Each structure stands twice: as structure tokens, then as C-alpha cells.
Amino acid sequence: MSLSRLRNKQHYRRHLRENYAQPTGTKDTNLTTFEKLGLTQSLLQTLMNLEFTQPTPIQEQAIPLLLEGRDVMGLAQTGTGKTGAFGLPLIDRLQREPMLAAPGTVSALILAPTRELAAQIASSLRLFAKRSPLKIGLIVGGQSINAQAHKLAKGTDILIATPGRLMDHVKRKSVSLDEVKYLVLDEADQMLDLGFIHDLRRIAKIVPAERQTLMFSATMPKLMADLSKAFLTDPARVEVTPPGRAADKIKQSLCLVERRDKPEALRRFLLSLHQPHAIVFARTKHGADKLQRSLEKAGIACAAIHGNKSQGQRNRALEAFKKNEIRVLVATDVAARGIDIPGVTHVVNYDLPEVADVYVHRIGRTARAGADGAAIAFCSPEESKLLHAIQRLLGMKIQKVGIPAENGEAANLEWFTDNRAAETKSRAPKKSAGGDNSGKPKRRRPHRKGPRNPHDGQSERPSGDRPKRSKPRKAMRGRKPSRPKAAA
């Protein structure tokens, strides 16, 4: 055994004696809720320094089960503390291990669908593990794969990765997953939506069968239920709220607007807010860039993030948004799960999502950690089916509001219906006093193709001049043509 490995082992023995020694004498009955969950003293001290005093409902239910070694299927809204629900017990159990991860191996693997979400998880876990020697790594796309391979060669206790980049390292043999003891799938339904199902199945075959697996999500589609059966063994289901339900502290509203009027409606809405901190979701990358230029032309400082932006551009945009240098962030669904910024006041669904579950994840960017928030959706007539699917998922009708006028007053709630009725009436054909539809153009008989009538000036063709149609000859296969009879 190497000297560094022996020092690590001695350090952990001392760590176990200090944190897990049974107290002698009377126990203190004034225990905090986190202490009742069974976390180590070092973690409790870290949580106190971070001013985390009370666990969220998902944390209170999931942490004891994870400390027991059970597989867990967690369903909760976005912004309810799912990262702490699996991160705190994961760090706790790894601290009990006598040795760190060997070079080129991983002890705990956390998979996330997007780069932003993976970076957010890594940032949170580094705060939780500040008082421990655990090494936390992050590998996502958009960064140097050689630099990542160099860090992985030293060994990683907790690795946060996106499935695509992880498979790249597995193919390069820069990391081994044979020593993985804990596997976490965060926002598993989003990974399925992004097409990572095949990568997840390959990873499940690579990691050891004897492991503890955790799955956390905000929705529960059928494909994810089938995936949980393949990944989890006798799981404990932790469900804080019904799947697909939005946070109770989000005030949702709906604005019916024509597609061509959406830019003006968004401009008026943002200008009517006092110091907004809003995220605007667009459906496409081109639409996000076009919307950013439109808002900047209107004098609203904003930035856009989507898949075509480099990782540096996305990070700079997020940092500017966190520091309130820009008040509006335009994003596509690629970043819907990764934006965890406190103080987001409004979420705007400029384009309704194609999948109703995505709506829940979008508006979950506000009202996080118990705060209040608001979400508004702009719906055009072409998106009526998408709206019905969203309301059916939520189990409620979203309250309709009007577009703020130029003077700041709210417009009439029925303006959309009135305008649509007026347009339909103007396009309808006018009826004459006699009741016949004179405005409707007369139907013209189709032109009959064929040769012109050679008998000019005659209304009818003489019967004797009518050409006779020759019957098509039948195919004579295997038959000899009949000879004409000789004349008598």
C-alpha cells in the first residue's frame, strides 16, 4: 500500500472516531431536524454554515432511506431540494468509506441531461463536501476532453456527467466504471426526452450490478416507469406531490395573442414589470436569437442561451443574469433543467412546448426554495391543442389576462375573442337581400379537354359524324391468331 493511501486510511479512521463515536451520558433532546436524519457532524456543521436549518419534504423522506442503502424513486417538483436529497446522503456514505477512489476509477456516478444542470449539481456538492477530502469531478460537452481525461486519471469520488460525454470517455478508456457503488439519475425523464435512452442502457451494463441506484424526476412518463424497472431493485417510492403538478407558489396566467403580435405583447409585458428578473422560453434556437434581437432593439438588456452557443457564451450569459447585469434571459428547453438561479421573478412561455411535461419544468425555474414566483404563457390560435394538453396535465384552467397597454393599464380580456370574431366576419361572404349568396363567386364548369368541335355554328354534332370508339385488343398469350375466313 502506498504512503498516500495509508495516510488517507488513517485520516478516515480518525474521521470515523470523531464523527461516529457514540456519546456517553445523556443525549441532547433539542435536536434539529437534520440531526434526526442521521447525518454526520461534519455535514451538520457545513449545513449550519450554509444557513440550511430545515430540510425540504423530499429531503426529509429520502435521506433516511438512502442512508439505509435502499434504491429510491423520487418524484418532486423542481426547486424542492432534490439535489440535497441525494447529495447529502451520498457524501455521508462516501465519508464512511475507509479509502478514496483509486486512480482512473469512480465511486459515485451522477448523470444529468444538460451541461447547466450538471454544473449546478457539482457546485452544490462541492459546498456540501467542503469539510471532507472527497474529490468531485465534472465532465460535460463543450470542454477539452484531454483535460478532463487528465483529471479522471487521478481518481474521482463523485463524478457528475452528461451521458454523451461520459460515453466518449468510456470509449477512450480514460475512466473505468467497474468500481461504481452509487448511481444517480437526476431528471431522468428529461434524459429520455433528449434521446439518451440508449446511452443509459449501455451505462447500466457497464456499472456493477451490485450498486445503490437513485432516480429523481418531476414527472413520471410511461417510458420512465419502464426504465425504473430495469435500473432499480425493490425501490422505495418517495412522492412529495403528484407528478406533473406545478409548485403551489407559482401564480400562473395565460395571454391569448396572435402569433404576429407576440413580440409586441412580450415587449409590453416586460416593460410593465418593475425590475424584472425573467426567463423567456422559445421553442427553437433561431427563434431565441430573433427574440433577443427584438428585445434589444426595444431597449431591454437580454442574452440568449441555446445549443448553438458555446459553453463559454452560455456561462457568461448565466453569470450576467445572476449578477443582474441583464434582466431578461432568453433560453430554449436545452437549459430548462439547468437554471437554478435564486430570485427569478417571472417565467415567460413565449412559445408553448410541444410536450406538456416540459411546461412544468419551465415554470419551475421560479418560486424555488419556498419563494414566490409568476409564470405567463403566450398562446396563439395554432397552439390551442398544446394549451389543452398542458391544462389537462395540470388539472386546472389557467387564468386569462390581457396585454398591458402602452400607458401601463391592462387591456380588455376579451380582446382576442373580439378580434378573431371581427376577422372572421370580415372574411365571410356577404348575402344579398333576396337571400341568395351573391358575394360568393359562381362555380365555373371545368374545361373539357379534347379536340374542338369541327362543326362551327352547329349546336349539336350530327349522329352520323360521331366517331366510333375502337375496343382495345385483348392480349393473346399462348393463342394463335385466328385466320380470316375465305370469301365464298
Protein backbone atom coordinates (compact mmCIF):
# COMPACT_ATOMS: atom_id res chain seq x y z
CA MET A 1 0.00 0.00 0.00
CA SER A 2 1.34 3.43 -0.91
CA LEU A 3 2.14 6.06 1.69
CA SER A 4 -0.59 8.41 0.43
CA ARG A 5 -3.13 5.59 0.53
CA LEU A 6 -2.10 4.76 4.12
CA ARG A 7 -2.42 8.40 5.14
CA ASN A 8 -5.88 8.55 3.64
CA LYS A 9 -6.84 5.41 5.55
CA GLN A 10 -5.53 6.83 8.83
CA HIS A 11 -7.34 10.09 8.15
CA TYR A 12 -10.64 8.28 7.64
CA ARG A 13 -10.19 6.23 10.80
CA ARG A 14 -9.72 9.44 12.76
CA HIS A 15 -12.67 10.94 10.90
CA LEU A 16 -14.90 8.00 11.85
CA ARG A 17 -13.87 8.23 15.52
CA GLU A 18 -14.63 11.95 15.65
CA ASN A 19 -17.95 11.85 13.80
CA TYR A 20 -19.45 8.48 14.67
CA ALA A 21 -18.33 7.90 18.28
CA GLN A 22 -21.29 7.00 20.46
CA PRO A 23 -21.95 9.77 23.00
CA THR A 24 -21.52 8.86 26.64
CA GLY A 25 -24.01 10.29 29.09
CA THR A 26 -27.37 11.91 28.45
CA LYS A 27 -28.45 12.81 24.93
CA ASP A 28 -29.49 16.30 24.00
CA THR A 29 -33.22 16.31 23.32
CA ASN A 30 -33.10 19.66 21.45
CA LEU A 31 -32.05 18.14 18.15
CA THR A 32 -32.56 19.87 14.82
CA THR A 33 -34.41 18.13 12.03
CA PHE A 34 -31.22 17.45 10.05
CA GLU A 35 -29.68 15.79 13.10
CA LYS A 36 -32.68 13.49 13.37
CA LEU A 37 -31.99 12.30 9.82
CA GLY A 38 -28.69 10.74 10.91
CA LEU A 39 -26.13 12.86 9.06
CA THR A 40 -22.55 13.22 10.25
CA GLN A 41 -21.38 16.05 12.46
CA SER A 42 -19.20 17.47 9.72
CA LEU A 43 -22.16 17.66 7.34
CA LEU A 44 -24.34 19.21 10.02
CA GLN A 45 -21.71 21.85 10.67
CA THR A 46 -21.48 22.57 6.95
CA LEU A 47 -25.24 22.94 6.70
CA MET A 48 -25.25 25.31 9.64
CA ASN A 49 -22.56 27.44 7.97
CA LEU A 50 -24.68 27.49 4.80
CA GLU A 51 -27.71 28.51 6.91
CA PHE A 52 -29.64 25.36 5.97
CA THR A 53 -31.73 24.72 9.06
CA GLN A 54 -34.81 22.80 7.91
CA PRO A 55 -34.89 20.06 5.27
CA THR A 56 -37.45 20.12 2.50
CA PRO A 57 -40.15 17.40 2.38
CA ILE A 58 -38.30 15.41 -0.29
CA GLN A 59 -35.11 15.56 1.78
CA GLU A 60 -36.87 14.55 4.96
CA GLN A 61 -38.32 11.43 3.31
CA ALA A 62 -35.44 10.38 1.04
CA ILE A 63 -32.33 10.87 3.21
CA PRO A 64 -33.12 8.15 5.81
CA LEU A 65 -33.91 5.64 3.05
CA LEU A 66 -30.70 6.40 1.20
CA LEU A 67 -28.63 6.08 4.37
CA GLU A 68 -30.13 2.60 4.81
CA GLY A 69 -28.88 1.61 1.34
CA ARG A 70 -32.29 1.37 -0.36
CA ASP A 71 -32.90 2.13 -4.01
CA VAL A 72 -35.15 5.19 -4.24
CA MET A 73 -37.51 6.55 -6.88
CA GLY A 74 -38.11 10.23 -6.01
CA LEU A 75 -40.84 12.37 -7.55
CA ALA A 76 -40.95 16.04 -6.65
CA GLN A 77 -41.39 19.44 -8.23
CA THR A 78 -38.44 21.40 -9.48
CA GLY A 79 -36.93 23.66 -6.85
CA THR A 80 -37.83 21.43 -3.89
CA GLY A 81 -34.27 20.40 -2.99
CA LYS A 82 -33.77 17.15 -4.92
CA THR A 83 -30.02 17.81 -5.20
CA GLY A 84 -29.68 17.87 -1.42
CA ALA A 85 -31.95 14.83 -1.12
CA PHE A 86 -29.43 12.61 -2.93
CA GLY A 87 -26.26 14.67 -2.46
CA LEU A 88 -26.17 14.79 1.34
CA PRO A 89 -26.60 11.04 1.98
CA LEU A 90 -24.20 10.29 -0.89
CA ILE A 91 -21.46 12.38 0.73
CA ASP A 92 -22.32 10.89 4.11
CA ARG A 93 -21.90 7.30 2.89
CA LEU A 94 -18.70 8.04 0.97
CA GLN A 95 -17.19 9.61 4.08
CA ARG A 96 -17.72 6.32 5.88
CA GLU A 97 -15.59 4.51 3.29
CA PRO A 98 -12.04 3.84 4.56
CA MET A 99 -10.36 4.70 1.24
CA LEU A 100 -10.71 7.19 -1.55
CA ALA A 101 -11.31 6.27 -5.18
CA ALA A 102 -8.40 4.59 -6.95
CA PRO A 103 -6.77 6.31 -9.94
CA GLY A 104 -8.93 6.16 -13.05
CA THR A 105 -12.00 4.91 -11.16
CA VAL A 106 -15.24 6.43 -9.90
CA SER A 107 -17.07 5.67 -6.65
CA ALA A 108 -20.34 7.53 -7.28
CA LEU A 109 -21.77 8.50 -10.68
CA ILE A 110 -24.41 11.19 -11.17
CA LEU A 111 -25.94 11.62 -14.62
CA ALA A 112 -27.72 14.83 -15.69
CA PRO A 113 -29.36 15.74 -19.02
CA THR A 114 -27.80 19.17 -19.62
CA ARG A 115 -24.50 20.90 -19.03
CA GLU A 116 -26.05 23.62 -16.91
CA LEU A 117 -27.75 21.16 -14.59
CA ALA A 118 -24.58 19.09 -14.24
CA ALA A 119 -22.58 22.20 -13.37
CA GLN A 120 -25.22 23.25 -10.82
CA ILE A 121 -25.13 19.82 -9.14
CA ALA A 122 -21.33 19.90 -8.99
CA SER A 123 -21.38 23.38 -7.44
CA SER A 124 -23.86 22.31 -4.77
CA LEU A 125 -22.00 19.11 -3.90
CA ARG A 126 -18.72 20.98 -3.58
CA LEU A 127 -20.36 23.20 -0.98
CA PHE A 128 -21.69 20.19 0.93
CA ALA A 129 -18.32 18.36 0.81
CA LYS A 130 -16.24 21.37 1.76
CA ARG A 131 -15.11 19.81 5.06
CA SER A 132 -14.24 16.42 3.53
CA PRO A 133 -11.39 15.25 1.26
CA LEU A 134 -13.76 13.89 -1.39
CA LYS A 135 -12.84 14.68 -4.97
CA ILE A 136 -15.77 15.85 -7.09
CA GLY A 137 -15.41 15.90 -10.88
CA LEU A 138 -17.48 17.33 -13.73
CA ILE A 139 -17.35 16.19 -17.37
CA VAL A 140 -19.67 17.77 -19.92
CA GLY A 141 -19.51 18.64 -23.58
CA GLY A 142 -18.04 21.88 -24.85
CA GLN A 143 -14.78 21.45 -22.91
CA SER A 144 -11.41 19.89 -23.65
CA ILE A 145 -11.75 16.13 -23.46
CA ASN A 146 -7.99 15.72 -22.92
CA ALA A 147 -8.03 17.98 -19.86
CA GLN A 148 -10.96 16.02 -18.49
CA ALA A 149 -9.16 12.72 -19.07
CA HIS A 150 -6.14 14.05 -17.16
CA LYS A 151 -8.31 14.79 -14.12
CA LEU A 152 -10.11 11.46 -14.33
CA ALA A 153 -6.77 9.63 -14.22
CA LYS A 154 -6.29 10.79 -10.63
CA GLY A 155 -9.50 9.13 -9.43
CA THR A 156 -12.89 10.68 -8.69
CA ASP A 157 -15.09 10.04 -5.69
CA ILE A 158 -18.21 11.72 -7.14
CA LEU A 159 -18.43 12.24 -10.88
CA ILE A 160 -21.20 14.39 -12.40
CA ALA A 161 -21.52 13.89 -16.14
CA THR A 162 -23.81 14.10 -19.12
CA PRO A 163 -24.41 10.69 -20.78
CA GLY A 164 -22.91 11.64 -24.14
CA ARG A 165 -19.58 12.92 -22.83
CA LEU A 166 -19.32 10.04 -20.35
CA MET A 167 -19.64 7.50 -23.17
CA ASP A 168 -16.90 9.37 -25.05
CA HIS A 169 -14.53 8.84 -22.12
CA VAL A 170 -15.58 5.21 -21.76
CA LYS A 171 -14.74 4.58 -25.43
CA ARG A 172 -11.36 6.29 -24.94
CA LYS A 173 -10.81 4.15 -21.81
CA SER A 174 -9.94 7.25 -19.83
CA VAL A 175 -12.27 6.22 -16.99
CA SER A 176 -13.38 2.91 -15.52
CA LEU A 177 -16.87 2.38 -14.13
CA ASP A 178 -16.14 -1.02 -12.58
CA GLU A 179 -15.91 0.45 -9.06
CA VAL A 180 -19.15 2.47 -9.13
CA LYS A 181 -21.12 1.84 -5.93
CA TYR A 182 -23.74 4.58 -6.29
CA LEU A 183 -25.61 5.58 -9.45
CA VAL A 184 -27.86 8.65 -9.56
CA LEU A 185 -30.14 9.62 -12.47
CA ASP A 186 -31.28 13.20 -11.98
CA GLU A 187 -34.12 14.49 -14.15
CA ALA A 188 -34.35 11.07 -15.77
CA ASP A 189 -37.44 11.96 -17.80
CA GLN A 190 -35.60 14.82 -19.46
CA MET A 191 -32.78 12.47 -20.43
CA LEU A 192 -35.34 10.26 -22.12
CA ASP A 193 -36.82 13.25 -23.95
CA LEU A 194 -33.36 14.21 -25.23
CA GLY A 195 -32.75 10.72 -26.61
CA PHE A 196 -30.27 9.39 -24.03
CA ILE A 197 -32.15 6.12 -23.53
CA HIS A 198 -29.56 4.06 -25.45
CA ASP A 199 -26.63 5.64 -23.57
CA LEU A 200 -28.34 4.96 -20.25
CA ARG A 201 -28.82 1.30 -21.12
CA ARG A 202 -25.16 0.97 -22.13
CA ILE A 203 -24.05 2.60 -18.87
CA ALA A 204 -26.31 0.27 -16.88
CA LYS A 205 -24.49 -2.70 -18.41
CA ILE A 206 -21.05 -1.26 -17.63
CA VAL A 207 -21.54 -0.37 -13.96
CA PRO A 208 -21.62 -3.24 -11.42
CA ALA A 209 -24.95 -4.93 -10.78
CA GLU A 210 -24.47 -4.63 -7.01
CA ARG A 211 -24.94 -0.92 -6.52
CA GLN A 212 -27.35 1.58 -5.00
CA THR A 213 -29.40 3.37 -7.65
CA LEU A 214 -31.36 6.60 -7.19
CA MET A 215 -33.75 8.18 -9.70
CA PHE A 216 -35.20 11.65 -9.23
CA SER A 217 -37.59 13.49 -11.50
CA ALA A 218 -40.53 15.87 -11.58
CA THR A 219 -42.71 13.84 -13.97
CA MET A 220 -43.38 10.14 -14.50
CA PRO A 221 -44.00 9.21 -18.15
CA LYS A 222 -44.58 5.59 -19.11
CA LEU A 223 -41.11 5.14 -20.62
CA MET A 224 -39.54 6.26 -17.38
CA ALA A 225 -41.60 3.73 -15.44
CA ASP A 226 -40.21 1.00 -17.69
CA LEU A 227 -36.68 2.39 -17.20
CA SER A 228 -37.03 2.32 -13.42
CA LYS A 229 -37.84 -1.39 -13.54
CA ALA A 230 -34.56 -2.03 -15.36
CA PHE A 231 -32.41 0.16 -13.09
CA LEU A 232 -33.93 -0.14 -9.61
CA THR A 233 -34.17 -3.14 -7.30
CA ASP A 234 -37.08 -3.13 -4.84
CA PRO A 235 -37.16 0.68 -4.80
CA ALA A 236 -38.78 2.87 -2.18
CA ARG A 237 -41.05 5.43 -3.86
CA VAL A 238 -40.87 8.94 -2.43
CA GLU A 239 -43.53 11.24 -3.84
CA VAL A 240 -43.96 14.71 -2.41
CA THR A 241 -46.53 15.96 -4.94
CA PRO A 242 -48.38 14.26 -7.80
CA PRO A 243 -46.26 14.01 -10.97
CA GLY A 244 -46.78 16.89 -13.37
CA ARG A 245 -48.11 19.30 -10.76
CA ALA A 246 -46.60 22.77 -10.66
CA ALA A 247 -45.40 24.44 -7.48
CA ASP A 248 -48.18 25.93 -5.38
CA LYS A 249 -46.43 29.29 -5.01
CA ILE A 250 -46.31 29.94 -8.77
CA LYS A 251 -49.01 32.32 -9.98
CA GLN A 252 -49.85 31.16 -13.49
CA SER A 253 -51.56 33.27 -16.14
CA LEU A 254 -52.45 32.94 -19.81
CA CYS A 255 -52.46 35.55 -22.56
CA LEU A 256 -54.23 34.73 -25.83
CA VAL A 257 -52.47 36.50 -28.66
CA GLU A 258 -51.95 36.17 -32.39
CA ARG A 259 -48.58 34.82 -33.46
CA ARG A 260 -47.67 38.04 -35.27
CA ASP A 261 -48.48 40.09 -32.15
CA LYS A 262 -46.32 38.04 -29.74
CA PRO A 263 -43.19 40.26 -29.93
CA GLU A 264 -45.20 43.39 -29.12
CA ALA A 265 -47.08 41.59 -26.34
CA LEU A 266 -43.81 40.42 -24.77
CA ARG A 267 -42.29 43.90 -25.01
CA ARG A 268 -45.27 45.49 -23.26
CA PHE A 269 -45.32 42.80 -20.59
CA LEU A 270 -41.62 43.17 -19.72
CA LEU A 271 -41.80 46.97 -19.69
CA SER A 272 -44.78 46.81 -17.32
CA LEU A 273 -42.70 44.96 -14.69
CA HIS A 274 -40.67 46.78 -12.07
CA GLN A 275 -37.07 45.49 -12.19
CA PRO A 276 -37.91 42.08 -13.61
CA HIS A 277 -35.65 39.05 -13.38
CA ALA A 278 -37.33 36.97 -16.07
CA ILE A 279 -36.57 33.91 -18.18
CA VAL A 280 -38.24 33.74 -21.59
CA PHE A 281 -38.51 30.30 -23.22
CA ALA A 282 -38.53 29.96 -27.01
CA ARG A 283 -39.08 26.77 -28.98
CA THR A 284 -36.17 26.99 -31.46
CA LYS A 285 -32.61 28.28 -31.48
CA HIS A 286 -33.31 30.64 -34.39
CA GLY A 287 -36.40 31.92 -32.59
CA ALA A 288 -34.38 32.62 -29.44
CA ASP A 289 -31.80 34.68 -31.35
CA LYS A 290 -34.51 36.55 -33.22
CA LEU A 291 -36.33 37.29 -29.99
CA GLN A 292 -33.12 38.54 -28.37
CA ARG A 293 -32.54 41.00 -31.21
CA SER A 294 -36.14 42.18 -30.98
CA LEU A 295 -35.88 42.86 -27.25
CA GLU A 296 -32.52 44.60 -27.55
CA LYS A 297 -34.00 46.82 -30.28
CA ALA A 298 -36.76 47.74 -27.81
CA GLY A 299 -34.14 48.78 -25.23
CA ILE A 300 -34.36 45.66 -22.99
CA ALA A 301 -30.98 44.25 -21.99
CA CYS A 302 -31.03 40.48 -22.51
CA ALA A 303 -28.98 37.47 -23.59
CA ALA A 304 -29.79 34.12 -25.21
CA ILE A 305 -28.58 30.61 -24.45
CA HIS A 306 -29.21 27.52 -26.58
CA GLY A 307 -27.45 24.53 -28.08
CA ASN A 308 -25.62 26.50 -30.78
CA LYS A 309 -23.94 28.73 -28.20
CA SER A 310 -20.53 27.68 -26.93
CA GLN A 311 -20.13 26.72 -23.31
CA GLY A 312 -18.23 29.95 -22.64
CA GLN A 313 -21.03 32.07 -24.12
CA ARG A 314 -23.64 30.23 -22.07
CA ASN A 315 -21.64 30.60 -18.87
CA ARG A 316 -21.10 34.32 -19.44
CA ALA A 317 -24.80 34.84 -20.11
CA LEU A 318 -25.77 32.99 -16.93
CA GLU A 319 -23.25 34.92 -14.84
CA ALA A 320 -24.53 38.24 -16.21
CA PHE A 321 -28.08 37.15 -15.39
CA LYS A 322 -27.11 36.11 -11.84
CA LYS A 323 -25.40 39.45 -11.24
CA ASN A 324 -28.44 41.37 -12.57
CA GLU A 325 -26.35 42.86 -15.36
CA ILE A 326 -29.15 41.73 -17.67
CA ARG A 327 -32.76 41.42 -16.58
CA VAL A 328 -34.06 39.01 -19.22
CA LEU A 329 -32.63 35.66 -20.30
CA VAL A 330 -33.96 34.01 -23.47
CA ALA A 331 -33.49 30.24 -23.42
CA THR A 332 -34.55 27.06 -25.15
CA ASP A 333 -35.51 23.84 -23.42
CA VAL A 334 -31.90 22.67 -23.50
CA ALA A 335 -31.36 24.89 -20.46
CA ALA A 336 -34.76 24.44 -18.82
CA ARG A 337 -33.42 21.96 -16.26
CA GLY A 338 -30.10 23.61 -15.53
CA ILE A 339 -31.01 27.13 -14.49
CA ASP A 340 -31.11 27.28 -10.70
CA ILE A 341 -30.87 30.99 -10.00
CA PRO A 342 -32.47 32.42 -6.88
CA GLY A 343 -34.62 35.47 -7.34
CA VAL A 344 -36.18 34.64 -10.73
CA THR A 345 -39.43 36.58 -10.56
CA HIS A 346 -41.12 35.61 -13.84
CA VAL A 347 -41.05 32.80 -16.37
CA VAL A 348 -42.49 33.57 -19.82
CA ASN A 349 -43.53 30.79 -22.18
CA TYR A 350 -43.19 32.75 -25.39
CA ASP A 351 -43.75 29.52 -27.33
CA LEU A 352 -45.74 26.72 -25.74
CA PRO A 353 -43.75 23.47 -25.52
CA GLU A 354 -44.62 20.50 -27.69
CA VAL A 355 -44.67 18.21 -24.61
CA ALA A 356 -46.89 19.22 -21.70
CA ASP A 357 -44.41 17.95 -19.08
CA VAL A 358 -41.85 20.49 -20.28
CA TYR A 359 -44.19 23.29 -19.20
CA VAL A 360 -43.87 22.14 -15.58
CA HIS A 361 -40.08 22.15 -15.79
CA ARG A 362 -40.03 25.58 -17.39
CA ILE A 363 -42.10 27.36 -14.79
CA GLY A 364 -40.14 25.53 -12.10
CA ARG A 365 -37.29 27.99 -12.68
CA THR A 366 -39.18 30.42 -10.43
CA ALA A 367 -40.59 30.04 -6.91
CA ARG A 368 -37.58 28.00 -5.85
CA ALA A 369 -36.67 27.26 -2.24
CA GLY A 370 -40.07 28.37 -0.97
CA ALA A 371 -40.08 31.77 -2.70
CA ASP A 372 -42.96 33.22 -4.72
CA GLY A 373 -42.99 33.47 -8.49
CA ALA A 374 -45.13 34.11 -11.54
CA ALA A 375 -45.43 32.42 -14.93
CA ILE A 376 -47.23 33.66 -18.03
CA ALA A 377 -47.85 31.83 -21.29
CA PHE A 378 -48.49 33.45 -24.68
CA CYS A 379 -50.81 31.23 -26.69
CA SER A 380 -51.67 31.71 -30.35
CA PRO A 381 -54.62 30.00 -32.08
CA GLU A 382 -52.24 27.50 -33.65
CA GLU A 383 -51.15 26.38 -30.16
CA SER A 384 -54.63 25.68 -28.79
CA LYS A 385 -54.06 21.90 -28.73
CA LEU A 386 -50.82 22.37 -26.80
CA LEU A 387 -52.65 24.55 -24.30
CA HIS A 388 -55.35 21.93 -23.77
CA ALA A 389 -52.67 19.27 -23.13
CA ILE A 390 -50.98 21.49 -20.54
CA GLN A 391 -54.21 22.27 -18.70
CA ARG A 392 -55.16 18.61 -18.75
CA LEU A 393 -51.81 17.74 -17.15
CA LEU A 394 -52.17 20.44 -14.52
CA GLY A 395 -55.79 19.53 -13.85
CA MET A 396 -56.82 23.19 -13.89
CA LYS A 397 -57.66 26.11 -16.15
CA ILE A 398 -55.00 28.79 -16.33
CA GLN A 399 -56.34 32.27 -15.58
CA LYS A 400 -56.55 34.56 -18.62
CA VAL A 401 -55.05 38.03 -18.53
CA GLY A 402 -54.78 40.84 -21.05
CA ILE A 403 -51.78 42.54 -22.59
CA PRO A 404 -50.68 45.71 -20.78
CA ALA A 405 -51.42 48.78 -22.85
CA GLU A 406 -48.85 51.44 -23.64
CA ASN A 407 -49.97 53.53 -20.65
CA GLY A 408 -49.45 50.54 -18.32
CA GLU A 409 -53.12 49.64 -17.93
CA ALA A 410 -54.31 46.10 -18.60
CA ALA A 411 -56.08 45.55 -21.87
CA ASN A 412 -59.51 44.01 -22.21
CA LEU A 413 -59.51 40.28 -21.51
CA GLU A 414 -61.85 39.67 -24.45
CA TRP A 415 -59.74 41.50 -27.00
CA PHE A 416 -58.54 38.24 -28.54
CA THR A 417 -62.06 36.85 -28.99
CA ASP A 418 -63.39 40.15 -30.34
CA ASN A 419 -60.56 40.47 -32.86
CA ARG A 420 -60.97 36.90 -34.04
CA ALA A 421 -64.72 37.35 -34.45
CA ALA A 422 -64.22 40.60 -36.36
CA GLU A 423 -61.70 38.99 -38.72
CA THR A 424 -63.97 36.02 -39.33
CA LYS A 425 -66.93 38.31 -40.03
CA SER A 426 -64.96 40.46 -42.44
CA ARG A 427 -63.80 37.42 -44.37
CA ALA A 428 -67.31 35.91 -44.59
CA PRO A 429 -69.18 36.43 -47.91
CA LYS A 430 -71.96 38.98 -47.91
CA LYS A 431 -75.56 37.91 -48.51
CA SER A 432 -77.97 39.79 -50.75
CA ALA A 433 -81.45 40.95 -49.70
CA GLY A 434 -83.07 38.09 -51.60
CA GLY A 435 -81.25 35.58 -49.51
CA ASP A 436 -79.00 34.19 -52.24
CA ASN A 437 -75.30 34.35 -51.71
CA SER A 438 -74.40 36.96 -54.31
CA GLY A 439 -70.99 37.60 -52.83
CA LYS A 440 -69.94 34.03 -53.42
CA PRO A 441 -68.27 33.55 -56.80
CA LYS A 442 -70.11 31.32 -59.22
CA ARG A 443 -68.64 27.93 -59.81
CA ARG A 444 -67.36 27.59 -63.34
CA ARG A 445 -67.64 24.35 -65.19
CA PRO A 446 -64.28 22.71 -65.78
CA HIS A 447 -62.88 23.00 -69.27
CA ARG A 448 -63.34 19.85 -71.24
CA LYS A 449 -60.16 18.70 -72.84
CA GLY A 450 -60.19 17.26 -76.33
CA PRO A 451 -60.43 18.35 -79.92
CA ARG A 452 -62.56 21.30 -80.81
CA ASN A 453 -65.92 20.78 -82.48
CA PRO A 454 -65.18 20.86 -86.21
CA HIS A 455 -68.76 21.81 -86.98
CA ASP A 456 -68.63 25.53 -86.29
CA GLY A 457 -72.03 27.12 -85.92
CA GLN A 458 -73.79 23.83 -85.15
CA SER A 459 -75.19 23.31 -81.70
CA GLU A 460 -75.14 19.56 -81.93
CA ARG A 461 -72.96 17.06 -83.73
CA PRO A 462 -74.74 15.02 -86.36
CA SER A 463 -75.24 11.47 -85.25
CA GLY A 464 -73.60 10.10 -88.37
CA ASP A 465 -70.38 12.05 -87.75
CA ARG A 466 -69.94 10.74 -84.22
CA PRO A 467 -66.65 8.84 -84.11
CA LYS A 468 -66.78 5.25 -83.00
CA ARG A 469 -64.53 4.10 -80.20
CA SER A 470 -62.40 1.11 -81.05
CA LYS A 471 -62.33 -1.59 -78.42
CA PRO A 472 -58.87 -2.39 -77.07
CA ARG A 473 -57.44 -5.63 -78.28
CA LYS A 474 -57.19 -8.41 -75.75
CA ALA A 475 -53.81 -9.87 -75.05
CA MET A 476 -53.41 -13.21 -76.82
CA ARG A 477 -50.85 -15.20 -74.94
CA GLY A 478 -50.46 -18.81 -75.98
CA ARG A 479 -53.15 -18.46 -78.61
CA LYS A 480 -52.68 -18.40 -82.32
CA PRO A 481 -54.40 -15.57 -84.13
CA SER A 482 -57.47 -16.74 -85.96
CA ARG A 483 -57.24 -16.70 -89.74
CA PRO A 484 -59.88 -14.74 -91.60
CA LYS A 485 -62.39 -16.91 -93.36
CA ALA A 486 -62.13 -17.10 -97.08
CA ALA A 487 -64.85 -15.43 -99.02
CA ALA A 488 -67.41 -17.80 -100.52
